[in-house]
Amino acid sequence: MERWLAGAPFPTPTPDALREAFCWSELRKVAKTATVSLQSNTYNVDASLIGRQVELVFDPFDLTDIDVRFGGRWFGKAIPHLITRHAHPKAKPETPVAGPPAPTGIDSCG
């Protein structure tokens, strides 16, 4: 504990750095029409990326806001063209949806 405290104060991450830490990324090849697909959605990207493999960086719970990177550089946002899925299917909410309440054995109908 003393060794850990000797290193304090620890830097606090910026909101952008914290957001980035929880983003997911996937690689996609840009089609001849300057589009990429991700989870059945189609996005427009910079035309200079046609034929190249890009990295898509995104919040798995919001597939409408995606950053495009190539060669370690930011190339803008992927513009939603056709959105059919708004969240990544493997992204599970932290709080599960509550099921029906357990039966109490009391019948209030009769």
Protein backbone atom coordinates (compact mmCIF):
# COMPACT_ATOMS: atom_id res chain seq x y z
CA MET A 1 0.00 0.00 0.00
CA GLU A 2 2.86 2.37 0.82
CA ARG A 3 4.44 1.79 -2.57
CA TRP A 4 1.11 2.52 -4.29
CA LEU A 5 0.53 5.69 -2.26
CA ALA A 6 4.08 6.87 -3.04
CA GLY A 7 3.06 7.20 -6.68
CA ALA A 8 0.08 9.45 -5.93
CA PRO A 9 -1.47 11.70 -7.14
CA PHE A 10 -2.59 9.70 -10.13
CA PRO A 11 -3.71 11.46 -13.31
CA THR A 12 -7.45 11.55 -13.91
CA PRO A 13 -8.43 10.55 -17.45
CA THR A 14 -10.24 13.10 -19.58
CA PRO A 15 -13.86 12.33 -20.54
CA ASP A 16 -12.71 11.65 -24.13
CA ALA A 17 -9.99 9.24 -22.99
CA LEU A 18 -12.44 7.46 -20.71
CA ARG A 19 -15.01 7.14 -23.54
CA GLU A 20 -12.29 5.80 -25.86
CA ALA A 21 -11.28 3.16 -23.30
CA PHE A 22 -14.71 1.52 -23.52
CA CYS A 23 -15.15 1.70 -27.30
CA TRP A 24 -15.04 -1.36 -29.51
CA SER A 25 -13.35 -1.53 -32.90
CA GLU A 26 -13.62 -3.68 -36.00
CA LEU A 27 -11.75 -3.73 -39.29
CA ARG A 28 -13.65 -3.34 -42.56
CA LYS A 29 -12.69 -2.97 -46.22
CA VAL A 30 -14.09 0.12 -47.93
CA ALA A 31 -16.19 -0.77 -51.01
CA LYS A 32 -15.92 0.95 -54.42
CA THR A 33 -18.91 3.06 -53.44
CA ALA A 34 -16.99 4.52 -50.43
CA THR A 35 -19.16 2.56 -48.00
CA VAL A 36 -18.52 0.07 -45.21
CA SER A 37 -20.88 -2.26 -43.44
CA LEU A 38 -21.10 -3.10 -39.76
CA GLN A 39 -23.77 -5.31 -38.21
CA SER A 40 -26.14 -5.06 -41.22
CA ASN A 41 -25.76 -1.26 -41.32
CA THR A 42 -24.18 0.68 -44.19
CA TYR A 43 -22.09 3.83 -43.71
CA ASN A 44 -20.49 6.35 -46.09
CA VAL A 45 -16.79 7.10 -45.50
CA ASP A 46 -14.14 9.31 -47.10
CA ALA A 47 -13.73 8.38 -50.80
CA SER A 48 -9.92 8.42 -50.47
CA LEU A 49 -10.26 5.19 -48.43
CA ILE A 50 -11.80 3.11 -51.28
CA GLY A 51 -10.21 -0.35 -51.35
CA ARG A 52 -8.43 0.10 -48.02
CA GLN A 53 -9.01 -1.69 -44.74
CA VAL A 54 -10.12 0.79 -42.08
CA GLU A 55 -10.73 0.56 -38.36
CA LEU A 56 -14.22 1.47 -37.17
CA VAL A 57 -14.29 2.65 -33.54
CA PHE A 58 -17.68 2.76 -31.83
CA ASP A 59 -19.78 2.52 -28.71
CA PRO A 60 -21.42 -0.93 -28.93
CA PHE A 61 -24.69 0.55 -27.64
CA ASP A 62 -24.81 3.29 -30.33
CA LEU A 63 -24.02 2.20 -33.88
CA THR A 64 -25.01 5.61 -35.28
CA ASP A 65 -21.77 7.33 -34.16
CA ILE A 66 -18.66 5.67 -35.61
CA ASP A 67 -15.12 7.03 -36.00
CA VAL A 68 -13.06 5.92 -39.01
CA ARG A 69 -9.29 5.40 -38.69
CA PHE A 70 -6.68 4.39 -41.21
CA GLY A 71 -2.95 4.12 -40.62
CA GLY A 72 -3.35 5.37 -37.05
CA ARG A 73 -4.99 8.61 -38.26
CA TRP A 74 -8.57 9.78 -37.77
CA PHE A 75 -10.52 10.06 -41.06
CA GLY A 76 -13.75 11.52 -39.76
CA LYS A 77 -17.09 9.99 -38.92
CA ALA A 78 -18.81 7.17 -40.79
CA ILE A 79 -22.05 8.74 -42.01
CA PRO A 80 -25.04 6.43 -41.50
CA HIS A 81 -26.51 5.48 -44.87
CA LEU A 82 -28.80 2.60 -43.92
CA ILE A 83 -29.27 1.74 -40.24
CA THR A 84 -31.14 -1.46 -39.38
CA ARG A 85 -29.44 -2.23 -36.05
CA HIS A 86 -28.77 0.42 -33.39
CA ALA A 87 -26.72 -1.68 -30.93
CA HIS A 88 -24.13 -4.41 -31.38
CA PRO A 89 -25.74 -7.82 -30.76
CA LYS A 90 -22.94 -8.86 -28.38
CA ALA A 91 -23.33 -5.72 -26.26
CA LYS A 92 -25.24 -6.71 -23.14
CA PRO A 93 -26.64 -4.08 -20.77
CA GLU A 94 -25.09 -4.06 -17.30
CA THR A 95 -28.47 -4.30 -15.60
CA PRO A 96 -30.55 -7.22 -16.85
CA VAL A 97 -34.18 -6.62 -17.69
CA ALA A 98 -36.35 -7.70 -14.74
CA GLY A 99 -38.64 -10.65 -15.37
CA PRO A 100 -42.13 -11.08 -13.98
CA PRO A 101 -42.40 -11.06 -10.18
CA ALA A 102 -42.31 -14.37 -8.37
CA PRO A 103 -45.76 -15.78 -7.53
CA THR A 104 -46.86 -15.15 -3.94
CA GLY A 105 -49.47 -17.85 -3.76
CA ILE A 106 -52.20 -15.30 -3.00
CA ASP A 107 -55.14 -15.40 -5.38
CA SER A 108 -56.76 -11.96 -5.45
CA CYS A 109 -59.23 -12.90 -8.19
CA GLY A 110 -61.36 -15.34 -6.40
